[in-house]
Every structure is written in structure tokens, then in C-alpha cells.
Amino acid sequence: MQTTLEAKISGRNKLDGTVTNIIPGTVTAEVELDIGNSKMITGVITKKSLDEMQIRKGDELTALIKATSVMFIKE
């Protein structure tokens, strides 16, 4: 039985996308999302989270990004 929790999240950098690729490892897994406009984002999560969330190719997910710093490069 799955329950839904209403949560408030401080992170504002949310990107919706579709899972296009999963590379499972022993401890972690890379999850790749197509976020539209020919843009992709890849994140690393634990293998346990991948299994518990039952993430599969084609699933719609939201990537929540919390960064403490942003760096820029100009060449």
C-alpha cells in the first residue's frame, strides 16, 4: 500500500523529465532524464533508492537540484 505525503520542499530548481537510460551499479545507479529542448540531465542515486522507487525507463520524474554554489567559465 502506497501513501501520499504532502511535503514542502525548499529547493526551487525542479526539472521534469522522462527517464531515457538507467545504468545500475553495485551501490549506485545513474539515471538519465530527457528534460526537453534536446537537453538531458543525469543524476546518481543509490541502488536501494532505484529499487524502492521502482524507477524504470519511460517513467516521468522530477529532478530536484540543490546547489550551494554555481561556477561559471569564460574562455
Protein backbone atom coordinates (compact mmCIF):
# COMPACT_ATOMS: atom_id res chain seq x y z
CA MET A 1 0.00 0.00 0.00
CA GLN A 2 1.44 3.32 -1.07
CA THR A 3 0.70 6.51 0.81
CA THR A 4 0.96 10.05 -0.47
CA LEU A 5 2.56 12.69 1.71
CA GLU A 6 2.09 16.38 1.12
CA ALA A 7 5.55 17.87 1.55
CA LYS A 8 7.04 21.31 1.40
CA ILE A 9 10.45 21.49 -0.24
CA SER A 10 12.91 24.37 -0.04
CA GLY A 11 14.57 23.50 -3.36
CA ARG A 12 13.26 25.55 -6.27
CA ASN A 13 15.34 24.07 -9.08
CA LYS A 14 12.97 21.40 -10.32
CA LEU A 15 13.22 19.84 -13.77
CA ASP A 16 10.54 17.47 -15.07
CA GLY A 17 11.62 14.78 -17.48
CA THR A 18 11.34 11.27 -18.82
CA VAL A 19 13.78 8.51 -17.88
CA THR A 20 15.73 7.57 -21.00
CA ASN A 21 18.52 5.46 -19.54
CA ILE A 22 19.49 3.74 -16.31
CA ILE A 23 22.96 2.40 -15.58
CA PRO A 24 22.74 0.32 -12.39
CA GLY A 25 25.89 -0.40 -10.44
CA THR A 26 26.52 -2.37 -7.28
CA VAL A 27 25.83 0.51 -4.89
CA THR A 28 24.66 3.42 -7.06
CA ALA A 29 22.80 3.95 -10.31
CA GLU A 30 22.95 6.68 -12.95
CA VAL A 31 19.53 7.90 -14.06
CA GLU A 32 19.28 9.98 -17.23
CA LEU A 33 16.31 12.27 -17.89
CA ASP A 34 15.22 13.94 -21.09
CA ILE A 35 14.07 17.37 -19.88
CA GLY A 36 13.02 18.66 -23.30
CA ASN A 37 14.52 21.04 -25.85
CA SER A 38 17.25 18.50 -26.65
CA LYS A 39 18.50 18.73 -23.04
CA MET A 40 19.44 15.80 -20.81
CA ILE A 41 20.33 15.64 -17.13
CA THR A 42 22.00 12.73 -15.34
CA GLY A 43 21.91 12.09 -11.62
CA VAL A 44 23.38 9.43 -9.37
CA ILE A 45 21.20 7.79 -6.72
CA THR A 46 21.65 4.75 -4.54
CA LYS A 47 20.73 1.36 -5.99
CA LYS A 48 18.40 0.96 -3.00
CA SER A 49 16.51 4.14 -3.95
CA LEU A 50 16.28 2.97 -7.56
CA ASP A 51 14.75 -0.32 -6.43
CA GLU A 52 12.45 1.16 -3.76
CA MET A 53 11.13 3.84 -6.13
CA GLN A 54 10.82 1.25 -8.91
CA ILE A 55 12.29 3.68 -11.43
CA ARG A 56 12.10 2.38 -14.99
CA LYS A 57 12.77 3.70 -18.50
CA GLY A 58 9.85 5.82 -19.64
CA ASP A 59 8.90 6.95 -16.12
CA GLU A 60 8.14 10.63 -15.59
CA LEU A 61 10.32 12.06 -12.79
CA THR A 62 11.21 15.42 -11.32
CA ALA A 63 14.87 16.18 -10.67
CA LEU A 64 15.29 18.40 -7.63
CA ILE A 65 18.61 20.22 -7.65
CA LYS A 66 20.01 21.87 -4.54
CA ALA A 67 23.34 23.57 -5.10
CA THR A 68 25.33 25.61 -2.63
CA SER A 69 27.42 27.23 -5.34
CA VAL A 70 27.40 27.92 -9.04
CA MET A 71 30.58 28.33 -11.07
CA PHE A 72 30.98 29.94 -14.48
CA ILE A 73 33.78 29.63 -17.03
CA LYS A 74 34.51 32.02 -19.85
CA GLU A 75 37.28 31.15 -22.29
